[in-house]
Amino acid sequence: QVQLVESGGGSVQAGGSLRLSCAASRTVFSINAMGWYRQAPGKQRELVATITSGGSTNYADSVKGRFTISRDNAKNTVYLQMNSLKPEDTAVYSCNARILISGVPYDDWGQGTQVTVSS
């Protein structure tokens, strides 16, 4: 099990930037994949970006070119740099850690952090 603590959410005007942080209770290098997901009011949770232990990244089409996921192994932390924010990016952003044990995925989640983008 991995404990995850997010920080960095807040309110910003359209076009602005925020950086989210997700601190893990174990080395991120030992976690198969970490990612950021978001859920807006009345909508289903959706993937924003993921990064594997090997450093491969994946992004939702809606954030490509604007968001960057990265990690700092020394700090056991994963970041989401969000630039050129849009009102439609408003959501609760949650950090996810996925560990594969004998091929079976186990997911842990952070508590979520609110991001609000005003027009």
PDB file of N, CA and C in Angstrom:
ATOM      1  N   GLN A   1       0.844  -1.182   0.000  1.00  0.00           N
ATOM      2  CA  GLN A   1       0.000   0.000   0.000  1.00  0.00           C
ATOM      3  C   GLN A   1       0.887   1.242   0.000  1.00  0.00           C
ATOM      4  N   VAL A   2       0.402   2.275  -0.686  1.00  0.00           N
ATOM      5  CA  VAL A   2       1.153   3.515  -0.808  1.00  0.00           C
ATOM      6  C   VAL A   2       0.277   4.658  -0.322  1.00  0.00           C
ATOM      7  N   GLN A   3       0.800   5.450   0.583  1.00  0.00           N
ATOM      8  CA  GLN A   3       0.094   6.672   0.985  1.00  0.00           C
ATOM      9  C   GLN A   3       0.530   7.806   0.071  1.00  0.00           C
ATOM     10  N   LEU A   4      -0.442   8.568  -0.388  1.00  0.00           N
ATOM     11  CA  LEU A   4      -0.184   9.653  -1.329  1.00  0.00           C
ATOM     12  C   LEU A   4      -0.759  10.944  -0.768  1.00  0.00           C
ATOM     13  N   VAL A   5       0.027  11.999  -0.817  1.00  0.00           N
ATOM     14  CA  VAL A   5      -0.425  13.302  -0.338  1.00  0.00           C
ATOM     15  C   VAL A   5      -0.224  14.329  -1.442  1.00  0.00           C
ATOM     16  N   GLU A   6      -1.337  14.908  -1.893  1.00  0.00           N
ATOM     17  CA  GLU A   6      -1.269  15.903  -2.960  1.00  0.00           C
ATOM     18  C   GLU A   6      -1.226  17.315  -2.383  1.00  0.00           C
ATOM     19  N   SER A   7      -0.662  18.203  -3.159  1.00  0.00           N
ATOM     20  CA  SER A   7      -0.655  19.621  -2.821  1.00  0.00           C
ATOM     21  C   SER A   7      -0.506  20.422  -4.102  1.00  0.00           C
ATOM     22  N   GLY A   8      -0.780  21.719  -3.993  1.00  0.00           N
ATOM     23  CA  GLY A   8      -0.551  22.607  -5.126  1.00  0.00           C
ATOM     24  C   GLY A   8      -1.784  23.076  -5.843  1.00  0.00           C
ATOM     25  N   GLY A   9      -2.948  22.580  -5.463  1.00  0.00           N
ATOM     26  CA  GLY A   9      -4.166  23.045  -6.116  1.00  0.00           C
ATOM     27  C   GLY A   9      -4.475  24.481  -5.718  1.00  0.00           C
ATOM     28  N   GLY A  10      -5.479  25.038  -6.381  1.00  0.00           N
ATOM     29  CA  GLY A  10      -5.873  26.402  -6.067  1.00  0.00           C
ATOM     30  C   GLY A  10      -6.713  26.995  -7.171  1.00  0.00           C
ATOM     31  N   SER A  11      -6.834  28.300  -7.125  1.00  0.00           N
ATOM     32  CA  SER A  11      -7.620  29.031  -8.120  1.00  0.00           C
ATOM     33  C   SER A  11      -6.703  29.889  -8.972  1.00  0.00           C
ATOM     34  N   VAL A  12      -6.982  29.913 -10.260  1.00  0.00           N
ATOM     35  CA  VAL A  12      -6.154  30.668 -11.190  1.00  0.00           C
ATOM     36  C   VAL A  12      -7.028  31.135 -12.350  1.00  0.00           C
ATOM     37  N   GLN A  13      -6.625  32.192 -12.990  1.00  0.00           N
ATOM     38  CA  GLN A  13      -7.348  32.662 -14.167  1.00  0.00           C
ATOM     39  C   GLN A  13      -6.923  31.877 -15.393  1.00  0.00           C
ATOM     40  N   ALA A  14      -7.788  31.861 -16.362  1.00  0.00           N
ATOM     41  CA  ALA A  14      -7.488  31.179 -17.617  1.00  0.00           C
ATOM     42  C   ALA A  14      -6.176  31.697 -18.191  1.00  0.00           C
ATOM     43  N   GLY A  15      -5.382  30.754 -18.681  1.00  0.00           N
ATOM     44  CA  GLY A  15      -4.065  31.091 -19.205  1.00  0.00           C
ATOM     45  C   GLY A  15      -2.952  30.978 -18.179  1.00  0.00           C
ATOM     46  N   GLY A  16      -3.332  30.821 -16.925  1.00  0.00           N
ATOM     47  CA  GLY A  16      -2.350  30.727 -15.865  1.00  0.00           C
ATOM     48  C   GLY A  16      -1.787  29.329 -15.711  1.00  0.00           C
ATOM     49  N   SER A  17      -0.948  29.158 -14.678  1.00  0.00           N
ATOM     50  CA  SER A  17      -0.263  27.889 -14.445  1.00  0.00           C
ATOM     51  C   SER A  17      -0.380  27.478 -12.980  1.00  0.00           C
ATOM     52  N   LEU A  18      -0.339  26.186 -12.775  1.00  0.00           N
ATOM     53  CA  LEU A  18      -0.260  25.598 -11.436  1.00  0.00           C
ATOM     54  C   LEU A  18       0.615  24.357 -11.523  1.00  0.00           C
ATOM     55  N   ARG A  19       1.232  24.024 -10.403  1.00  0.00           N
ATOM     56  CA  ARG A  19       1.982  22.772 -10.340  1.00  0.00           C
ATOM     57  C   ARG A  19       1.458  21.962  -9.161  1.00  0.00           C
ATOM     58  N   LEU A  20       1.017  20.759  -9.461  1.00  0.00           N
ATOM     59  CA  LEU A  20       0.568  19.839  -8.442  1.00  0.00           C
ATOM     60  C   LEU A  20       1.700  18.906  -8.044  1.00  0.00           C
ATOM     61  N   SER A  21       1.735  18.557  -6.766  1.00  0.00           N
ATOM     62  CA  SER A  21       2.733  17.618  -6.257  1.00  0.00           C
ATOM     63  C   SER A  21       2.026  16.447  -5.595  1.00  0.00           C
ATOM     64  N   CYS A  22       2.620  15.286  -5.710  1.00  0.00           N
ATOM     65  CA  CYS A  22       2.097  14.077  -5.076  1.00  0.00           C
ATOM     66  C   CYS A  22       3.262  13.377  -4.405  1.00  0.00           C
ATOM     67  N   ALA A  23       3.279  13.414  -3.087  1.00  0.00           N
ATOM     68  CA  ALA A  23       4.352  12.777  -2.321  1.00  0.00           C
ATOM     69  C   ALA A  23       3.916  11.374  -1.932  1.00  0.00           C
ATOM     70  N   ALA A  24       4.759  10.401  -2.244  1.00  0.00           N
ATOM     71  CA  ALA A  24       4.456   9.000  -1.969  1.00  0.00           C
ATOM     72  C   ALA A  24       5.218   8.524  -0.737  1.00  0.00           C
ATOM     73  N   SER A  25       4.644   7.532  -0.065  1.00  0.00           N
ATOM     74  CA  SER A  25       5.246   7.019   1.171  1.00  0.00           C
ATOM     75  C   SER A  25       6.348   5.992   0.891  1.00  0.00           C
ATOM     76  N   ARG A  26       6.547   5.669  -0.379  1.00  0.00           N
ATOM     77  CA  ARG A  26       7.631   4.773  -0.747  1.00  0.00           C
ATOM     78  C   ARG A  26       8.261   5.289  -2.020  1.00  0.00           C
ATOM     79  N   THR A  27       9.414   4.768  -2.336  1.00  0.00           N
ATOM     80  CA  THR A  27      10.112   5.271  -3.494  1.00  0.00           C
ATOM     81  C   THR A  27       9.267   5.098  -4.756  1.00  0.00           C
ATOM     82  N   VAL A  28       9.158   6.177  -5.514  1.00  0.00           N
ATOM     83  CA  VAL A  28       8.325   6.113  -6.715  1.00  0.00           C
ATOM     84  C   VAL A  28       8.919   5.172  -7.755  1.00  0.00           C
ATOM     85  N   PHE A  29      10.214   4.921  -7.625  1.00  0.00           N
ATOM     86  CA  PHE A  29      10.847   4.014  -8.576  1.00  0.00           C
ATOM     87  C   PHE A  29      10.289   2.607  -8.425  1.00  0.00           C
ATOM     88  N   SER A  30       9.776   2.271  -7.220  1.00  0.00           N
ATOM     89  CA  SER A  30       9.258   0.919  -6.973  1.00  0.00           C
ATOM     90  C   SER A  30       7.788   0.791  -7.367  1.00  0.00           C
ATOM     91  N   ILE A  31       7.186   1.891  -7.783  1.00  0.00           N
ATOM     92  CA  ILE A  31       5.775   1.892  -8.174  1.00  0.00           C
ATOM     93  C   ILE A  31       5.717   1.765  -9.697  1.00  0.00           C
ATOM     94  N   ASN A  32       4.917   0.829 -10.172  1.00  0.00           N
ATOM     95  CA  ASN A  32       4.905   0.559 -11.609  1.00  0.00           C
ATOM     96  C   ASN A  32       4.485   1.778 -12.430  1.00  0.00           C
ATOM     97  N   ALA A  33       3.469   2.485 -11.931  1.00  0.00           N
ATOM     98  CA  ALA A  33       3.025   3.673 -12.645  1.00  0.00           C
ATOM     99  C   ALA A  33       2.345   4.613 -11.668  1.00  0.00           C
ATOM    100  N   MET A  34       2.505   5.893 -11.920  1.00  0.00           N
ATOM    101  CA  MET A  34       1.786   6.905 -11.146  1.00  0.00           C
ATOM    102  C   MET A  34       1.098   7.842 -12.120  1.00  0.00           C
ATOM    103  N   GLY A  35       0.015   8.406 -11.669  1.00  0.00           N
ATOM    104  CA  GLY A  35      -0.712   9.260 -12.585  1.00  0.00           C
ATOM    105  C   GLY A  35      -1.585  10.258 -11.871  1.00  0.00           C
ATOM    106  N   TRP A  36      -2.103  11.148 -12.674  1.00  0.00           N
ATOM    107  CA  TRP A  36      -3.054  12.149 -12.216  1.00  0.00           C
ATOM    108  C   TRP A  36      -4.371  11.925 -12.952  1.00  0.00           C
ATOM    109  N   TYR A  37      -5.438  11.963 -12.182  1.00  0.00           N
ATOM    110  CA  TYR A  37      -6.776  11.856 -12.724  1.00  0.00           C
ATOM    111  C   TYR A  37      -7.565  13.058 -12.224  1.00  0.00           C
ATOM    112  N   ARG A  38      -8.653  13.364 -12.906  1.00  0.00           N
ATOM    113  CA  ARG A  38      -9.478  14.479 -12.463  1.00  0.00           C
ATOM    114  C   ARG A  38     -10.949  14.141 -12.614  1.00  0.00           C
ATOM    115  N   GLN A  39     -11.732  14.805 -11.780  1.00  0.00           N
ATOM    116  CA  GLN A  39     -13.170  14.621 -11.841  1.00  0.00           C
ATOM    117  C   GLN A  39     -13.847  15.965 -11.646  1.00  0.00           C
ATOM    118  N   ALA A  40     -14.587  16.364 -12.666  1.00  0.00           N
ATOM    119  CA  ALA A  40     -15.349  17.600 -12.607  1.00  0.00           C
ATOM    120  C   ALA A  40     -16.761  17.286 -12.103  1.00  0.00           C
ATOM    121  N   PRO A  41     -17.445  18.272 -11.557  1.00  0.00           N
ATOM    122  CA  PRO A  41     -18.814  18.032 -11.060  1.00  0.00           C
ATOM    123  C   PRO A  41     -19.710  17.459 -12.140  1.00  0.00           C
ATOM    124  N   GLY A  42     -20.385  16.375 -11.797  1.00  0.00           N
ATOM    125  CA  GLY A  42     -21.317  15.762 -12.727  1.00  0.00           C
ATOM    126  C   GLY A  42     -20.679  14.928 -13.816  1.00  0.00           C
ATOM    127  N   LYS A  43     -19.371  14.763 -13.756  1.00  0.00           N
ATOM    128  CA  LYS A  43     -18.661  13.989 -14.782  1.00  0.00           C
ATOM    129  C   LYS A  43     -17.912  12.830 -14.155  1.00  0.00           C
ATOM    130  N   GLN A  44     -17.564  11.871 -14.999  1.00  0.00           N
ATOM    131  CA  GLN A  44     -16.776  10.741 -14.529  1.00  0.00           C
ATOM    132  C   GLN A  44     -15.314  11.131 -14.392  1.00  0.00           C
ATOM    133  N   ARG A  45     -14.626  10.401 -13.541  1.00  0.00           N
ATOM    134  CA  ARG A  45     -13.196  10.626 -13.398  1.00  0.00           C
ATOM    135  C   ARG A  45     -12.494  10.249 -14.702  1.00  0.00           C
ATOM    136  N   GLU A  46     -11.527  11.060 -15.077  1.00  0.00           N
ATOM    137  CA  GLU A  46     -10.792  10.802 -16.316  1.00  0.00           C
ATOM    138  C   GLU A  46      -9.293  10.901 -16.075  1.00  0.00           C
ATOM    139  N   LEU A  47      -8.574  10.150 -16.892  1.00  0.00           N
ATOM    140  CA  LEU A  47      -7.119  10.177 -16.826  1.00  0.00           C
ATOM    141  C   LEU A  47      -6.608  11.498 -17.372  1.00  0.00           C
ATOM    142  N   VAL A  48      -5.614  12.059 -16.693  1.00  0.00           N
ATOM    143  CA  VAL A  48      -4.960  13.273 -17.177  1.00  0.00           C
ATOM    144  C   VAL A  48      -3.584  12.927 -17.730  1.00  0.00           C
ATOM    145  N   ALA A  49      -2.768  12.241 -16.906  1.00  0.00           N
ATOM    146  CA  ALA A  49      -1.417  11.896 -17.339  1.00  0.00           C
ATOM    147  C   ALA A  49      -0.886  10.784 -16.449  1.00  0.00           C
ATOM    148  N   THR A  50      -0.023   9.952 -17.011  1.00  0.00           N
ATOM    149  CA  THR A  50       0.630   8.899 -16.238  1.00  0.00           C
ATOM    150  C   THR A  50       2.110   8.864 -16.567  1.00  0.00           C
ATOM    151  N   ILE A  51       2.880   8.307 -15.633  1.00  0.00           N
ATOM    152  CA  ILE A  51       4.304   8.108 -15.844  1.00  0.00           C
ATOM    153  C   ILE A  51       4.670   6.767 -15.237  1.00  0.00           C
ATOM    154  N   THR A  52       5.407   5.950 -15.993  1.00  0.00           N
ATOM    155  CA  THR A  52       5.785   4.636 -15.506  1.00  0.00           C
ATOM    156  C   THR A  52       7.117   4.700 -14.767  1.00  0.00           C
ATOM    157  N   SER A  53       7.474   3.592 -14.126  1.00  0.00           N
ATOM    158  CA  SER A  53       8.753   3.530 -13.431  1.00  0.00           C
ATOM    159  C   SER A  53       9.910   3.665 -14.413  1.00  0.00           C
ATOM    160  N   GLY A  54       9.640   3.342 -15.669  1.00  0.00           N
ATOM    161  CA  GLY A  54      10.667   3.494 -16.694  1.00  0.00           C
ATOM    162  C   GLY A  54      10.718   4.881 -17.288  1.00  0.00           C
ATOM    163  N   GLY A  55       9.781   5.739 -16.877  1.00  0.00           N
ATOM    164  CA  GLY A  55       9.798   7.122 -17.346  1.00  0.00           C
ATOM    165  C   GLY A  55       8.901   7.404 -18.532  1.00  0.00           C
ATOM    166  N   SER A  56       8.195   6.404 -19.015  1.00  0.00           N
ATOM    167  CA  SER A  56       7.285   6.639 -20.133  1.00  0.00           C
ATOM    168  C   SER A  56       6.072   7.417 -19.657  1.00  0.00           C
ATOM    169  N   THR A  57       5.643   8.350 -20.486  1.00  0.00           N
ATOM    170  CA  THR A  57       4.508   9.201 -20.117  1.00  0.00           C
ATOM    171  C   THR A  57       3.358   9.035 -21.099  1.00  0.00           C
ATOM    172  N   ASN A  58       2.183   9.347 -20.604  1.00  0.00           N
ATOM    173  CA  ASN A  58       0.977   9.279 -21.424  1.00  0.00           C
ATOM    174  C   ASN A  58       0.063  10.416 -20.983  1.00  0.00           C
ATOM    175  N   TYR A  59      -0.589  11.073 -21.955  1.00  0.00           N
ATOM    176  CA  TYR A  59      -1.433  12.219 -21.654  1.00  0.00           C
ATOM    177  C   TYR A  59      -2.797  12.093 -22.328  1.00  0.00           C
ATOM    178  N   ALA A  60      -3.778  12.661 -21.684  1.00  0.00           N
ATOM    179  CA  ALA A  60      -5.075  12.809 -22.340  1.00  0.00           C
ATOM    180  C   ALA A  60      -4.921  13.819 -23.474  1.00  0.00           C
ATOM    181  N   ASP A  61      -5.657  13.609 -24.544  1.00  0.00           N
ATOM    182  CA  ASP A  61      -5.552  14.508 -25.694  1.00  0.00           C
ATOM    183  C   ASP A  61      -5.849  15.950 -25.292  1.00  0.00           C
ATOM    184  N   SER A  62      -6.746  16.125 -24.344  1.00  0.00           N
ATOM    185  CA  SER A  62      -7.175  17.467 -23.966  1.00  0.00           C
ATOM    186  C   SER A  62      -6.092  18.275 -23.256  1.00  0.00           C
ATOM    187  N   VAL A  63      -5.039  17.608 -22.781  1.00  0.00           N
ATOM    188  CA  VAL A  63      -3.992  18.328 -22.046  1.00  0.00           C
ATOM    189  C   VAL A  63      -2.633  18.259 -22.728  1.00  0.00           C
ATOM    190  N   LYS A  64      -2.535  17.528 -23.810  1.00  0.00           N
ATOM    191  CA  LYS A  64      -1.252  17.411 -24.508  1.00  0.00           C
ATOM    192  C   LYS A  64      -0.752  18.782 -24.931  1.00  0.00           C
ATOM    193  N   GLY A  65       0.532  19.007 -24.686  1.00  0.00           N
ATOM    194  CA  GLY A  65       1.128  20.290 -25.040  1.00  0.00           C
ATOM    195  C   GLY A  65       0.966  21.356 -23.976  1.00  0.00           C
ATOM    196  N   ARG A  66       0.105  21.097 -22.984  1.00  0.00           N
ATOM    197  CA  ARG A  66      -0.111  22.087 -21.918  1.00  0.00           C
ATOM    198  C   ARG A  66       0.347  21.569 -20.561  1.00  0.00           C
ATOM    199  N   PHE A  67       0.175  20.262 -20.318  1.00  0.00           N
ATOM    200  CA  PHE A  67       0.523  19.661 -19.031  1.00  0.00           C
ATOM    201  C   PHE A  67       1.755  18.785 -19.193  1.00  0.00           C
ATOM    202  N   THR A  68       2.555  18.716 -18.140  1.00  0.00           N
ATOM    203  CA  THR A  68       3.727  17.853 -18.125  1.00  0.00           C
ATOM    204  C   THR A  68       3.795  17.107 -16.809  1.00  0.00           C
ATOM    205  N   ILE A  69       3.893  15.789 -16.891  1.00  0.00           N
ATOM    206  CA  ILE A  69       4.062  14.963 -15.693  1.00  0.00           C
ATOM    207  C   ILE A  69       5.537  14.614 -15.558  1.00  0.00           C
ATOM    208  N   SER A  70       6.025  14.646 -14.330  1.00  0.00           N
ATOM    209  CA  SER A  70       7.435  14.319 -14.086  1.00  0.00           C
ATOM    210  C   SER A  70       7.560  13.746 -12.687  1.00  0.00           C
ATOM    211  N   ARG A  71       8.728  13.233 -12.389  1.00  0.00           N
ATOM    212  CA  ARG A  71       8.924  12.683 -11.052  1.00  0.00           C
ATOM    213  C   ARG A  71      10.323  12.995 -10.558  1.00  0.00           C
ATOM    214  N   ASP A  72      10.455  13.033  -9.252  1.00  0.00           N
ATOM    215  CA  ASP A  72      11.736  13.228  -8.588  1.00  0.00           C
ATOM    216  C   ASP A  72      11.926  12.014  -7.687  1.00  0.00           C
ATOM    217  N   ASN A  73      12.754  11.086  -8.126  1.00  0.00           N
ATOM    218  CA  ASN A  73      12.936   9.852  -7.354  1.00  0.00           C
ATOM    219  C   ASN A  73      13.513  10.126  -5.974  1.00  0.00           C
ATOM    220  N   ALA A  74      14.380  11.107  -5.868  1.00  0.00           N
ATOM    221  CA  ALA A  74      15.020  11.403  -4.578  1.00  0.00           C
ATOM    222  C   ALA A  74      14.007  11.899  -3.551  1.00  0.00           C
ATOM    223  N   LYS A  75      12.940  12.556  -4.029  1.00  0.00           N
ATOM    224  CA  LYS A  75      11.917  13.096  -3.140  1.00  0.00           C
ATOM    225  C   LYS A  75      10.659  12.246  -3.095  1.00  0.00           C
ATOM    226  N   ASN A  76      10.671  11.126  -3.813  1.00  0.00           N
ATOM    227  CA  ASN A  76       9.483  10.258  -3.875  1.00  0.00           C
ATOM    228  C   ASN A  76       8.239  11.053  -4.263  1.00  0.00           C
ATOM    229  N   THR A  77       8.391  11.925  -5.228  1.00  0.00           N
ATOM    230  CA  THR A  77       7.318  12.850  -5.586  1.00  0.00           C
ATOM    231  C   THR A  77       7.104  12.874  -7.090  1.00  0.00           C
ATOM    232  N   VAL A  78       5.833  12.965  -7.449  1.00  0.00           N
ATOM    233  CA  VAL A  78       5.446  13.128  -8.846  1.00  0.00           C
ATOM    234  C   VAL A  78       4.764  14.486  -8.984  1.00  0.00           C
ATOM    235  N   TYR A  79       5.046  15.149 -10.089  1.00  0.00           N
ATOM    236  CA  TYR A  79       4.525  16.488 -10.310  1.00  0.00           C
ATOM    237  C   TYR A  79       3.641  16.523 -11.555  1.00  0.00           C
ATOM    238  N   LEU A  80       2.733  17.475 -11.561  1.00  0.00           N
ATOM    239  CA  LEU A  80       1.967  17.775 -12.763  1.00  0.00           C
ATOM    240  C   LEU A  80       2.044  19.283 -12.982  1.00  0.00           C
ATOM    241  N   GLN A  81       2.819  19.686 -13.966  1.00  0.00           N
ATOM    242  CA  GLN A  81       2.909  21.094 -14.330  1.00  0.00           C
ATOM    243  C   GLN A  81       1.800  21.398 -15.318  1.00  0.00           C
ATOM    244  N   MET A  82       0.951  22.337 -14.956  1.00  0.00           N
ATOM    245  CA  MET A  82      -0.205  22.672 -15.794  1.00  0.00           C
ATOM    246  C   MET A  82      -0.065  24.111 -16.275  1.00  0.00           C
ATOM    247  N   ASN A  83       0.070  24.273 -17.578  1.00  0.00           N
ATOM    248  CA  ASN A  83       0.190  25.596 -18.186  1.00  0.00           C
ATOM    249  C   ASN A  83      -1.002  25.865 -19.094  1.00  0.00           C
ATOM    250  N   SER A  84      -1.184  27.115 -19.432  1.00  0.00           N
ATOM    251  CA  SER A  84      -2.282  27.522 -20.330  1.00  0.00           C
ATOM    252  C   SER A  84      -3.614  26.923 -19.873  1.00  0.00           C
ATOM    253  N   LEU A  85      -3.880  27.068 -18.601  1.00  0.00           N
ATOM    254  CA  LEU A  85      -5.082  26.462 -18.029  1.00  0.00           C
ATOM    255  C   LEU A  85      -6.345  27.072 -18.615  1.00  0.00           C
ATOM    256  N   LYS A  86      -7.362  26.222 -18.729  1.00  0.00           N
ATOM    257  CA  LYS A  86      -8.652  26.606 -19.285  1.00  0.00           C
ATOM    258  C   LYS A  86      -9.748  26.356 -18.244  1.00  0.00           C
ATOM    259  N   PRO A  87     -10.859  27.046 -18.347  1.00  0.00           N
ATOM    260  CA  PRO A  87     -11.950  26.791 -17.393  1.00  0.00           C
ATOM    261  C   PRO A  87     -12.377  25.322 -17.365  1.00  0.00           C
ATOM    262  N   GLU A  88     -12.280  24.655 -18.498  1.00  0.00           N
ATOM    263  CA  GLU A  88     -12.671  23.240 -18.536  1.00  0.00           C
ATOM    264  C   GLU A  88     -11.686  22.322 -17.821  1.00  0.00           C
ATOM    265  N   ASP A  89     -10.570  22.863 -17.355  1.00  0.00           N
ATOM    266  CA  ASP A  89      -9.637  22.082 -16.536  1.00  0.00           C
ATOM    267  C   ASP A  89     -10.067  22.062 -15.068  1.00  0.00           C
ATOM    268  N   THR A  90     -11.089  22.820 -14.730  1.00  0.00           N
ATOM    269  CA  THR A  90     -11.566  22.856 -13.355  1.00  0.00           C
ATOM    270  C   THR A  90     -12.061  21.477 -12.933  1.00  0.00           C
ATOM    271  N   ALA A  91     -11.503  20.975 -11.822  1.00  0.00           N
ATOM    272  CA  ALA A  91     -11.851  19.640 -11.343  1.00  0.00           C
ATOM    273  C   ALA A  91     -11.096  19.369 -10.043  1.00  0.00           C
ATOM    274  N   VAL A  92     -11.449  18.256  -9.422  1.00  0.00           N
ATOM    275  CA  VAL A  92     -10.637  17.726  -8.327  1.00  0.00           C
ATOM    276  C   VAL A  92      -9.609  16.786  -8.957  1.00  0.00           C
ATOM    277  N   TYR A  93      -8.357  17.051  -8.713  1.00  0.00           N
ATOM    278  CA  TYR A  93      -7.266  16.262  -9.273  1.00  0.00           C
ATOM    279  C   TYR A  93      -6.762  15.296  -8.203  1.00  0.00           C
ATOM    280  N   SER A  94      -6.669  14.029  -8.576  1.00  0.00           N
ATOM    281  CA  SER A  94      -6.238  12.998  -7.634  1.00  0.00           C
ATOM    282  C   SER A  94      -5.023  12.264  -8.176  1.00  0.00           C
ATOM    283  N   CYS A  95      -4.125  11.957  -7.267  1.00  0.00           N
ATOM    284  CA  CYS A  95      -2.919  11.207  -7.604  1.00  0.00           C
ATOM    285  C   CYS A  95      -3.186   9.710  -7.434  1.00  0.00           C
ATOM    286  N   ASN A  96      -2.646   8.931  -8.340  1.00  0.00           N
ATOM    287  CA  ASN A  96      -2.837   7.479  -8.316  1.00  0.00           C
ATOM    288  C   ASN A  96      -1.489   6.785  -8.365  1.00  0.00           C
ATOM    289  N   ALA A  97      -1.377   5.685  -7.619  1.00  0.00           N
ATOM    290  CA  ALA A  97      -0.196   4.819  -7.686  1.00  0.00           C
ATOM    291  C   ALA A  97      -0.667   3.403  -7.990  1.00  0.00           C
ATOM    292  N   ARG A  98      -0.069   2.804  -8.984  1.00  0.00           N
ATOM    293  CA  ARG A  98      -0.442   1.437  -9.371  1.00  0.00           C
ATOM    294  C   ARG A  98       0.770   0.532  -9.231  1.00  0.00           C
ATOM    295  N   ILE A  99       0.574  -0.541  -8.490  1.00  0.00           N
ATOM    296  CA  ILE A  99       1.618  -1.547  -8.302  1.00  0.00           C
ATOM    297  C   ILE A  99       1.099  -2.870  -8.851  1.00  0.00           C
ATOM    298  N   LEU A 100       1.929  -3.533  -9.625  1.00  0.00           N
ATOM    299  CA  LEU A 100       1.565  -4.838 -10.163  1.00  0.00           C
ATOM    300  C   LEU A 100       2.189  -5.927  -9.299  1.00  0.00           C
ATOM    301  N   ILE A 101       1.353  -6.817  -8.793  1.00  0.00           N
ATOM    302  CA  ILE A 101       1.829  -7.960  -8.008  1.00  0.00           C
ATOM    303  C   ILE A 101       1.342  -9.220  -8.710  1.00  0.00           C
ATOM    304  N   SER A 102       2.284  -9.967  -9.240  1.00  0.00           N
ATOM    305  CA  SER A 102       1.938 -11.162 -10.031  1.00  0.00           C
ATOM    306  C   SER A 102       0.960 -10.799 -11.146  1.00  0.00           C
ATOM    307  N   GLY A 103       1.165  -9.652 -11.718  1.00  0.00           N
ATOM    308  CA  GLY A 103       0.334  -9.225 -12.835  1.00  0.00           C
ATOM    309  C   GLY A 103      -0.985  -8.606 -12.443  1.00  0.00           C
ATOM    310  N   VAL A 104      -1.303  -8.592 -11.179  1.00  0.00           N
ATOM    311  CA  VAL A 104      -2.571  -8.023 -10.705  1.00  0.00           C
ATOM    312  C   VAL A 104      -2.320  -6.582 -10.267  1.00  0.00           C
ATOM    313  N   PRO A 105      -3.098  -5.626 -10.806  1.00  0.00           N
ATOM    314  CA  PRO A 105      -2.882  -4.223 -10.433  1.00  0.00           C
ATOM    315  C   PRO A 105      -3.538  -3.861  -9.104  1.00  0.00           C
ATOM    316  N   TYR A 106      -2.814  -3.115  -8.296  1.00  0.00           N
ATOM    317  CA  TYR A 106      -3.336  -2.587  -7.042  1.00  0.00           C
ATOM    318  C   TYR A 106      -3.184  -1.069  -7.095  1.00  0.00           C
ATOM    319  N   ASP A 107      -4.288  -0.389  -6.843  1.00  0.00           N
ATOM    320  CA  ASP A 107      -4.313   1.064  -6.945  1.00  0.00           C
ATOM    321  C   ASP A 107      -4.471   1.706  -5.571  1.00  0.00           C
ATOM    322  N   ASP A 108      -3.728   2.780  -5.368  1.00  0.00           N
ATOM    323  CA  ASP A 108      -3.914   3.644  -4.209  1.00  0.00           C
ATOM    324  C   ASP A 108      -4.144   5.067  -4.702  1.00  0.00           C
ATOM    325  N   TRP A 109      -4.928   5.827  -3.908  1.00  0.00           N
ATOM    326  CA  TRP A 109      -5.309   7.184  -4.306  1.00  0.00           C
ATOM    327  C   TRP A 109      -5.013   8.191  -3.214  1.00  0.00           C
ATOM    328  N   GLY A 110      -4.699   9.389  -3.643  1.00  0.00           N
ATOM    329  CA  GLY A 110      -4.587  10.487  -2.709  1.00  0.00           C
ATOM    330  C   GLY A 110      -5.968  11.064  -2.410  1.00  0.00           C
ATOM    331  N   GLN A 111      -5.986  12.082  -1.565  1.00  0.00           N
ATOM    332  CA  GLN A 111      -7.269  12.646  -1.123  1.00  0.00           C
ATOM    333  C   GLN A 111      -7.859  13.613  -2.135  1.00  0.00           C
ATOM    334  N   GLY A 112      -7.060  14.049  -3.093  1.00  0.00           N
ATOM    335  CA  GLY A 112      -7.534  14.977  -4.115  1.00  0.00           C
ATOM    336  C   GLY A 112      -7.257  16.422  -3.758  1.00  0.00           C
ATOM    337  N   THR A 113      -7.066  17.225  -4.791  1.00  0.00           N
ATOM    338  CA  THR A 113      -6.855  18.650  -4.598  1.00  0.00           C
ATOM    339  C   THR A 113      -7.651  19.415  -5.651  1.00  0.00           C
ATOM    340  N   GLN A 114      -8.307  20.481  -5.232  1.00  0.00           N
ATOM    341  CA  GLN A 114      -9.186  21.227  -6.123  1.00  0.00           C
ATOM    342  C   GLN A 114      -8.384  22.193  -6.985  1.00  0.00           C
ATOM    343  N   VAL A 115      -8.698  22.186  -8.275  1.00  0.00           N
ATOM    344  CA  VAL A 115      -8.159  23.163  -9.215  1.00  0.00           C
ATOM    345  C   VAL A 115      -9.342  23.895  -9.836  1.00  0.00           C
ATOM    346  N   THR A 116      -9.332  25.206  -9.719  1.00  0.00           N
ATOM    347  CA  THR A 116     -10.409  26.018 -10.267  1.00  0.00           C
ATOM    348  C   THR A 116      -9.821  27.061 -11.209  1.00  0.00           C
ATOM    349  N   VAL A 117     -10.301  27.068 -12.442  1.00  0.00           N
ATOM    350  CA  VAL A 117      -9.814  28.006 -13.455  1.00  0.00           C
ATOM    351  C   VAL A 117     -10.981  28.900 -13.864  1.00  0.00           C
ATOM    352  N   SER A 118     -10.807  30.193 -13.668  1.00  0.00           N
ATOM    353  CA  SER A 118     -11.858  31.146 -13.995  1.00  0.00           C
ATOM    354  C   SER A 118     -11.561  31.827 -15.331  1.00  0.00           C
ATOM    355  N   SER A 119     -12.632  32.179 -16.019  1.00  0.00           N
ATOM    356  CA  SER A 119     -12.462  32.804 -17.342  1.00  0.00           C
ATOM    357  C   SER A 119     -12.318  34.314 -17.230  1.00  0.00           C
TER     358      SER A 119
END
